[in-house]
């Protein structure tokens, strides 16, 4: 069974694959434009010193997402 979690809960150094977006409206559009579409592999790189935003790596780039945005993305954990 594949475990699904919110992107905001993905630990530093772990990878996951985008399952779906829960966001609506402009937030959904922005996430899709960034390339967060189903099956995209994503890795948590680091948290900022104050905990928000978080740095993620996907599609060959680094993107910082706020907690509110990251909790709108459902990911499946990749095996270690």
PDB file of N, CA and C in Angstrom:
ATOM      1  N   UNK A   1       0.829  -1.187   0.000  1.00  0.00           N
ATOM      2  CA  UNK A   1       0.000   0.000   0.000  1.00  0.00           C
ATOM      3  C   UNK A   1       0.875   1.252   0.000  1.00  0.00           C
ATOM      4  N   UNK A   2       0.557   2.196  -0.832  1.00  0.00           N
ATOM      5  CA  UNK A   2       1.308   3.441  -0.944  1.00  0.00           C
ATOM      6  C   UNK A   2       0.728   4.451   0.039  1.00  0.00           C
ATOM      7  N   UNK A   3       1.622   5.058   0.819  1.00  0.00           N
ATOM      8  CA  UNK A   3       1.176   6.047   1.790  1.00  0.00           C
ATOM      9  C   UNK A   3       1.099   7.416   1.118  1.00  0.00           C
ATOM     10  N   UNK A   4      -0.031   8.085   1.275  1.00  0.00           N
ATOM     11  CA  UNK A   4      -0.222   9.423   0.731  1.00  0.00           C
ATOM     12  C   UNK A   4      -0.272  10.435   1.864  1.00  0.00           C
ATOM     13  N   UNK A   5       0.468  11.525   1.683  1.00  0.00           N
ATOM     14  CA  UNK A   5       0.521  12.593   2.678  1.00  0.00           C
ATOM     15  C   UNK A   5       0.445  13.936   1.958  1.00  0.00           C
ATOM     16  N   UNK A   6       0.294  14.986   2.731  1.00  0.00           N
ATOM     17  CA  UNK A   6       0.338  16.340   2.166  1.00  0.00           C
ATOM     18  C   UNK A   6       1.793  16.721   1.926  1.00  0.00           C
ATOM     19  N   UNK A   7       2.050  17.494   0.890  1.00  0.00           N
ATOM     20  CA  UNK A   7       3.414  17.927   0.591  1.00  0.00           C
ATOM     21  C   UNK A   7       4.024  18.672   1.774  1.00  0.00           C
ATOM     22  N   UNK A   8       3.227  19.385   2.518  1.00  0.00           N
ATOM     23  CA  UNK A   8       3.727  20.122   3.690  1.00  0.00           C
ATOM     24  C   UNK A   8       4.264  19.185   4.778  1.00  0.00           C
ATOM     25  N   UNK A   9       3.921  17.901   4.719  1.00  0.00           N
ATOM     26  CA  UNK A   9       4.368  16.910   5.711  1.00  0.00           C
ATOM     27  C   UNK A   9       5.545  16.071   5.222  1.00  0.00           C
ATOM     28  N   UNK A  10       5.978  16.263   3.975  1.00  0.00           N
ATOM     29  CA  UNK A  10       7.081  15.487   3.417  1.00  0.00           C
ATOM     30  C   UNK A  10       8.382  15.895   4.098  1.00  0.00           C
ATOM     31  N   UNK A  11       9.058  14.952   4.782  1.00  0.00           N
ATOM     32  CA  UNK A  11      10.280  15.299   5.517  1.00  0.00           C
ATOM     33  C   UNK A  11      11.424  15.739   4.600  1.00  0.00           C
ATOM     34  N   UNK A  12      12.330  16.528   5.143  1.00  0.00           N
ATOM     35  CA  UNK A  12      13.514  16.963   4.406  1.00  0.00           C
ATOM     36  C   UNK A  12      14.295  15.735   3.945  1.00  0.00           C
ATOM     37  N   UNK A  13      14.691  15.760   2.677  1.00  0.00           N
ATOM     38  CA  UNK A  13      15.469  14.668   2.112  1.00  0.00           C
ATOM     39  C   UNK A  13      14.636  13.545   1.505  1.00  0.00           C
ATOM     40  N   UNK A  14      13.342  13.554   1.729  1.00  0.00           N
ATOM     41  CA  UNK A  14      12.468  12.511   1.182  1.00  0.00           C
ATOM     42  C   UNK A  14      11.849  12.952  -0.128  1.00  0.00           C
ATOM     43  N   UNK A  15      11.533  11.975  -0.956  1.00  0.00           N
ATOM     44  CA  UNK A  15      10.903  12.222  -2.256  1.00  0.00           C
ATOM     45  C   UNK A  15       9.488  11.675  -2.273  1.00  0.00           C
ATOM     46  N   UNK A  16       8.681  12.289  -3.099  1.00  0.00           N
ATOM     47  CA  UNK A  16       7.319  11.821  -3.302  1.00  0.00           C
ATOM     48  C   UNK A  16       6.898  12.099  -4.729  1.00  0.00           C
ATOM     49  N   UNK A  17       5.726  11.605  -5.086  1.00  0.00           N
ATOM     50  CA  UNK A  17       5.152  11.868  -6.405  1.00  0.00           C
ATOM     51  C   UNK A  17       3.797  12.525  -6.207  1.00  0.00           C
ATOM     52  N   UNK A  18       3.551  13.569  -6.971  1.00  0.00           N
ATOM     53  CA  UNK A  18       2.285  14.282  -6.869  1.00  0.00           C
ATOM     54  C   UNK A  18       1.149  13.340  -7.270  1.00  0.00           C
ATOM     55  N   UNK A  19       0.135  13.263  -6.406  1.00  0.00           N
ATOM     56  CA  UNK A  19      -1.051  12.456  -6.669  1.00  0.00           C
ATOM     57  C   UNK A  19      -2.163  13.358  -7.187  1.00  0.00           C
ATOM     58  N   UNK A  20      -2.410  14.457  -6.463  1.00  0.00           N
ATOM     59  CA  UNK A  20      -3.464  15.383  -6.866  1.00  0.00           C
ATOM     60  C   UNK A  20      -3.282  16.731  -6.175  1.00  0.00           C
ATOM     61  N   UNK A  21      -4.015  17.716  -6.687  1.00  0.00           N
ATOM     62  CA  UNK A  21      -4.039  19.040  -6.078  1.00  0.00           C
ATOM     63  C   UNK A  21      -5.409  19.267  -5.459  1.00  0.00           C
ATOM     64  N   UNK A  22      -5.414  19.771  -4.232  1.00  0.00           N
ATOM     65  CA  UNK A  22      -6.668  20.089  -3.545  1.00  0.00           C
ATOM     66  C   UNK A  22      -7.027  21.554  -3.720  1.00  0.00           C
ATOM     67  N   UNK A  23      -6.092  22.330  -4.238  1.00  0.00           N
ATOM     68  CA  UNK A  23      -6.270  23.779  -4.388  1.00  0.00           C
ATOM     69  C   UNK A  23      -7.327  24.095  -5.435  1.00  0.00           C
ATOM     70  N   UNK A  24      -7.882  25.276  -5.308  1.00  0.00           N
ATOM     71  CA  UNK A  24      -8.878  25.770  -6.263  1.00  0.00           C
ATOM     72  C   UNK A  24      -8.448  27.160  -6.751  1.00  0.00           C
ATOM     73  N   UNK A  25      -9.023  27.589  -7.837  1.00  0.00           N
ATOM     74  CA  UNK A  25      -8.827  28.951  -8.329  1.00  0.00           C
ATOM     75  C   UNK A  25      -7.400  29.275  -8.714  1.00  0.00           C
ATOM     76  N   UNK A  26      -6.978  30.481  -8.341  1.00  0.00           N
ATOM     77  CA  UNK A  26      -5.665  30.985  -8.732  1.00  0.00           C
ATOM     78  C   UNK A  26      -4.523  30.178  -8.119  1.00  0.00           C
ATOM     79  N   UNK A  27      -4.706  29.666  -6.912  1.00  0.00           N
ATOM     80  CA  UNK A  27      -3.655  28.852  -6.298  1.00  0.00           C
ATOM     81  C   UNK A  27      -3.443  27.587  -7.115  1.00  0.00           C
ATOM     82  N   UNK A  28      -4.522  26.936  -7.513  1.00  0.00           N
ATOM     83  CA  UNK A  28      -4.428  25.727  -8.336  1.00  0.00           C
ATOM     84  C   UNK A  28      -3.722  26.042  -9.660  1.00  0.00           C
ATOM     85  N   UNK A  29      -4.110  27.139 -10.264  1.00  0.00           N
ATOM     86  CA  UNK A  29      -3.509  27.524 -11.542  1.00  0.00           C
ATOM     87  C   UNK A  29      -2.007  27.753 -11.386  1.00  0.00           C
ATOM     88  N   UNK A  30      -1.609  28.454 -10.327  1.00  0.00           N
ATOM     89  CA  UNK A  30      -0.190  28.733 -10.096  1.00  0.00           C
ATOM     90  C   UNK A  30       0.592  27.439  -9.898  1.00  0.00           C
ATOM     91  N   UNK A  31       0.067  26.525  -9.090  1.00  0.00           N
ATOM     92  CA  UNK A  31       0.760  25.257  -8.852  1.00  0.00           C
ATOM     93  C   UNK A  31       0.898  24.445 -10.139  1.00  0.00           C
ATOM     94  N   UNK A  32      -0.142  24.432 -10.959  1.00  0.00           N
ATOM     95  CA  UNK A  32      -0.075  23.724 -12.234  1.00  0.00           C
ATOM     96  C   UNK A  32       0.935  24.376 -13.172  1.00  0.00           C
ATOM     97  N   UNK A  33       0.964  25.703 -13.195  1.00  0.00           N
ATOM     98  CA  UNK A  33       1.924  26.420 -14.043  1.00  0.00           C
ATOM     99  C   UNK A  33       3.363  26.170 -13.607  1.00  0.00           C
ATOM    100  N   UNK A  34       3.570  25.955 -12.316  1.00  0.00           N
ATOM    101  CA  UNK A  34       4.906  25.625 -11.819  1.00  0.00           C
ATOM    102  C   UNK A  34       5.330  24.222 -12.235  1.00  0.00           C
ATOM    103  N   UNK A  35       4.372  23.388 -12.624  1.00  0.00           N
ATOM    104  CA  UNK A  35       4.684  22.026 -13.047  1.00  0.00           C
ATOM    105  C   UNK A  35       4.274  20.955 -12.068  1.00  0.00           C
ATOM    106  N   UNK A  36       3.495  21.316 -11.050  1.00  0.00           N
ATOM    107  CA  UNK A  36       3.035  20.326 -10.070  1.00  0.00           C
ATOM    108  C   UNK A  36       1.794  19.606 -10.606  1.00  0.00           C
ATOM    109  N   UNK A  37       2.044  18.713 -11.536  1.00  0.00           N
ATOM    110  CA  UNK A  37       0.982  17.903 -12.126  1.00  0.00           C
ATOM    111  C   UNK A  37       1.150  16.472 -11.633  1.00  0.00           C
ATOM    112  N   UNK A  38       0.096  15.653 -11.695  1.00  0.00           N
ATOM    113  CA  UNK A  38       0.212  14.262 -11.231  1.00  0.00           C
ATOM    114  C   UNK A  38       1.420  13.547 -11.839  1.00  0.00           C
ATOM    115  N   UNK A  39       2.057  12.734 -10.989  1.00  0.00           N
ATOM    116  CA  UNK A  39       3.245  11.929 -11.298  1.00  0.00           C
ATOM    117  C   UNK A  39       4.553  12.708 -11.276  1.00  0.00           C
ATOM    118  N   UNK A  40       4.521  14.003 -10.962  1.00  0.00           N
ATOM    119  CA  UNK A  40       5.755  14.778 -10.848  1.00  0.00           C
ATOM    120  C   UNK A  40       6.500  14.347  -9.594  1.00  0.00           C
ATOM    121  N   UNK A  41       7.784  14.020  -9.747  1.00  0.00           N
ATOM    122  CA  UNK A  41       8.612  13.655  -8.602  1.00  0.00           C
ATOM    123  C   UNK A  41       9.068  14.936  -7.915  1.00  0.00           C
ATOM    124  N   UNK A  42       8.965  14.969  -6.585  1.00  0.00           N
ATOM    125  CA  UNK A  42       9.311  16.170  -5.817  1.00  0.00           C
ATOM    126  C   UNK A  42      10.062  15.779  -4.559  1.00  0.00           C
ATOM    127  N   UNK A  43      11.020  16.598  -4.178  1.00  0.00           N
ATOM    128  CA  UNK A  43      11.857  16.329  -2.999  1.00  0.00           C
ATOM    129  C   UNK A  43      11.885  17.565  -2.112  1.00  0.00           C
ATOM    130  N   UNK A  44      11.764  17.363  -0.811  1.00  0.00           N
ATOM    131  CA  UNK A  44      11.903  18.453   0.149  1.00  0.00           C
ATOM    132  C   UNK A  44      13.387  18.680   0.396  1.00  0.00           C
ATOM    133  N   UNK A  45      13.848  19.902   0.159  1.00  0.00           N
ATOM    134  CA  UNK A  45      15.270  20.226   0.319  1.00  0.00           C
ATOM    135  C   UNK A  45      15.558  20.789   1.706  1.00  0.00           C
ATOM    136  N   UNK A  46      14.813  21.827   2.102  1.00  0.00           N
ATOM    137  CA  UNK A  46      15.024  22.396   3.445  1.00  0.00           C
ATOM    138  C   UNK A  46      13.862  23.301   3.837  1.00  0.00           C
ATOM    139  N   UNK A  47      13.751  23.473   5.154  1.00  0.00           N
ATOM    140  CA  UNK A  47      12.787  24.419   5.712  1.00  0.00           C
ATOM    141  C   UNK A  47      13.516  25.732   5.951  1.00  0.00           C
ATOM    142  N   UNK A  48      12.820  26.849   5.857  1.00  0.00           N
ATOM    143  CA  UNK A  48      13.449  28.125   6.181  1.00  0.00           C
ATOM    144  C   UNK A  48      13.659  28.177   7.697  1.00  0.00           C
ATOM    145  N   UNK A  49      14.511  29.081   8.176  1.00  0.00           N
ATOM    146  CA  UNK A  49      14.778  29.154   9.617  1.00  0.00           C
ATOM    147  C   UNK A  49      13.512  29.339  10.466  1.00  0.00           C
ATOM    148  N   UNK A  50      12.521  30.030   9.946  1.00  0.00           N
ATOM    149  CA  UNK A  50      11.288  30.230  10.702  1.00  0.00           C
ATOM    150  C   UNK A  50      10.215  29.199  10.345  1.00  0.00           C
ATOM    151  N   UNK A  51      10.561  28.236   9.466  1.00  0.00           N
ATOM    152  CA  UNK A  51       9.645  27.156   9.137  1.00  0.00           C
ATOM    153  C   UNK A  51       8.765  27.383   7.915  1.00  0.00           C
ATOM    154  N   UNK A  52       8.730  28.588   7.380  1.00  0.00           N
ATOM    155  CA  UNK A  52       7.883  28.865   6.225  1.00  0.00           C
ATOM    156  C   UNK A  52       8.528  29.973   5.415  1.00  0.00           C
ATOM    157  N   UNK A  53       8.809  29.794   4.145  1.00  0.00           N
ATOM    158  CA  UNK A  53       8.421  28.706   3.264  1.00  0.00           C
ATOM    159  C   UNK A  53       9.391  27.525   3.324  1.00  0.00           C
ATOM    160  N   UNK A  54       9.081  26.499   2.539  1.00  0.00           N
ATOM    161  CA  UNK A  54       9.905  25.300   2.421  1.00  0.00           C
ATOM    162  C   UNK A  54      10.418  25.222   0.986  1.00  0.00           C
ATOM    163  N   UNK A  55      11.664  24.776   0.844  1.00  0.00           N
ATOM    164  CA  UNK A  55      12.292  24.660  -0.463  1.00  0.00           C
ATOM    165  C   UNK A  55      12.109  23.247  -1.006  1.00  0.00           C
ATOM    166  N   UNK A  56      11.587  23.151  -2.224  1.00  0.00           N
ATOM    167  CA  UNK A  56      11.357  21.870  -2.883  1.00  0.00           C
ATOM    168  C   UNK A  56      12.108  21.838  -4.207  1.00  0.00           C
ATOM    169  N   UNK A  57      12.478  20.625  -4.637  1.00  0.00           N
ATOM    170  CA  UNK A  57      13.117  20.444  -5.922  1.00  0.00           C
ATOM    171  C   UNK A  57      12.230  19.559  -6.789  1.00  0.00           C
ATOM    172  N   UNK A  58      11.906  20.025  -7.989  1.00  0.00           N
ATOM    173  CA  UNK A  58      11.160  19.221  -8.946  1.00  0.00           C
ATOM    174  C   UNK A  58      11.364  19.787 -10.337  1.00  0.00           C
ATOM    175  N   UNK A  59      11.300  18.919 -11.312  1.00  0.00           N
ATOM    176  CA  UNK A  59      11.480  19.305 -12.721  1.00  0.00           C
ATOM    177  C   UNK A  59      12.737  20.143 -12.951  1.00  0.00           C
ATOM    178  N   UNK A  60      13.822  19.787 -12.257  1.00  0.00           N
ATOM    179  CA  UNK A  60      15.108  20.436 -12.468  1.00  0.00           C
ATOM    180  C   UNK A  60      15.253  21.828 -11.889  1.00  0.00           C
ATOM    181  N   UNK A  61      14.373  22.214 -10.990  1.00  0.00           N
ATOM    182  CA  UNK A  61      14.465  23.554 -10.405  1.00  0.00           C
ATOM    183  C   UNK A  61      14.144  23.516  -8.914  1.00  0.00           C
ATOM    184  N   UNK A  62      14.500  24.575  -8.231  1.00  0.00           N
ATOM    185  CA  UNK A  62      14.187  24.729  -6.814  1.00  0.00           C
ATOM    186  C   UNK A  62      13.097  25.783  -6.680  1.00  0.00           C
ATOM    187  N   UNK A  63      12.054  25.450  -5.937  1.00  0.00           N
ATOM    188  CA  UNK A  63      10.922  26.357  -5.737  1.00  0.00           C
ATOM    189  C   UNK A  63      10.585  26.392  -4.248  1.00  0.00           C
ATOM    190  N   UNK A  64      10.394  27.593  -3.714  1.00  0.00           N
ATOM    191  CA  UNK A  64       9.958  27.741  -2.324  1.00  0.00           C
ATOM    192  C   UNK A  64       8.440  27.905  -2.316  1.00  0.00           C
ATOM    193  N   UNK A  65       7.777  27.062  -1.529  1.00  0.00           N
ATOM    194  CA  UNK A  65       6.322  27.142  -1.381  1.00  0.00           C
ATOM    195  C   UNK A  65       5.977  27.414   0.074  1.00  0.00           C
ATOM    196  N   UNK A  66       5.005  28.229   0.288  1.00  0.00           N
ATOM    197  CA  UNK A  66       4.499  28.476   1.637  1.00  0.00           C
ATOM    198  C   UNK A  66       3.729  27.251   2.120  1.00  0.00           C
ATOM    199  N   UNK A  67       3.620  27.142   3.429  1.00  0.00           N
ATOM    200  CA  UNK A  67       2.934  26.014   4.047  1.00  0.00           C
ATOM    201  C   UNK A  67       1.518  25.879   3.503  1.00  0.00           C
ATOM    202  N   UNK A  68       0.830  26.988   3.358  1.00  0.00           N
ATOM    203  CA  UNK A  68      -0.558  26.967   2.881  1.00  0.00           C
ATOM    204  C   UNK A  68      -0.660  26.401   1.467  1.00  0.00           C
ATOM    205  N   UNK A  69       0.322  26.689   0.628  1.00  0.00           N
ATOM    206  CA  UNK A  69       0.326  26.125  -0.726  1.00  0.00           C
ATOM    207  C   UNK A  69       0.696  24.649  -0.705  1.00  0.00           C
ATOM    208  N   UNK A  70       1.719  24.310   0.076  1.00  0.00           N
ATOM    209  CA  UNK A  70       2.197  22.919   0.130  1.00  0.00           C
ATOM    210  C   UNK A  70       1.140  21.970   0.687  1.00  0.00           C
ATOM    211  N   UNK A  71       0.266  22.467   1.544  1.00  0.00           N
ATOM    212  CA  UNK A  71      -0.758  21.574   2.096  1.00  0.00           C
ATOM    213  C   UNK A  71      -1.916  21.341   1.125  1.00  0.00           C
ATOM    214  N   UNK A  72      -1.853  21.962  -0.035  1.00  0.00           N
ATOM    215  CA  UNK A  72      -2.867  21.761  -1.071  1.00  0.00           C
ATOM    216  C   UNK A  72      -2.457  20.683  -2.074  1.00  0.00           C
ATOM    217  N   UNK A  73      -1.256  20.084  -1.859  1.00  0.00           N
ATOM    218  CA  UNK A  73      -0.725  19.079  -2.786  1.00  0.00           C
ATOM    219  C   UNK A  73      -0.646  17.741  -2.062  1.00  0.00           C
ATOM    220  N   UNK A  74      -1.277  16.718  -2.626  1.00  0.00           N
ATOM    221  CA  UNK A  74      -1.236  15.367  -2.073  1.00  0.00           C
ATOM    222  C   UNK A  74      -0.152  14.593  -2.807  1.00  0.00           C
ATOM    223  N   UNK A  75       0.768  13.962  -2.048  1.00  0.00           N
ATOM    224  CA  UNK A  75       1.868  13.189  -2.654  1.00  0.00           C
ATOM    225  C   UNK A  75       1.893  11.781  -2.088  1.00  0.00           C
ATOM    226  N   UNK A  76       2.437  10.859  -2.882  1.00  0.00           N
ATOM    227  CA  UNK A  76       2.692   9.506  -2.397  1.00  0.00           C
ATOM    228  C   UNK A  76       4.177   9.416  -2.076  1.00  0.00           C
ATOM    229  N   UNK A  77       4.519   8.794  -0.954  1.00  0.00           N
ATOM    230  CA  UNK A  77       5.907   8.672  -0.546  1.00  0.00           C
ATOM    231  C   UNK A  77       6.637   7.712  -1.458  1.00  0.00           C
ATOM    232  N   UNK A  78       7.857   8.070  -1.846  1.00  0.00           N
ATOM    233  CA  UNK A  78       8.731   7.191  -2.613  1.00  0.00           C
ATOM    234  C   UNK A  78       9.453   6.274  -1.646  1.00  0.00           C
ATOM    235  N   UNK A  79       9.746   5.065  -2.071  1.00  0.00           N
ATOM    236  CA  UNK A  79      10.492   4.119  -1.244  1.00  0.00           C
ATOM    237  C   UNK A  79      11.922   4.604  -1.069  1.00  0.00           C
ATOM    238  N   UNK A  80      12.489   4.279   0.091  1.00  0.00           N
ATOM    239  CA  UNK A  80      13.882   4.671   0.345  1.00  0.00           C
ATOM    240  C   UNK A  80      14.830   3.704  -0.309  1.00  0.00           C
TER     241      UNK A  80
END
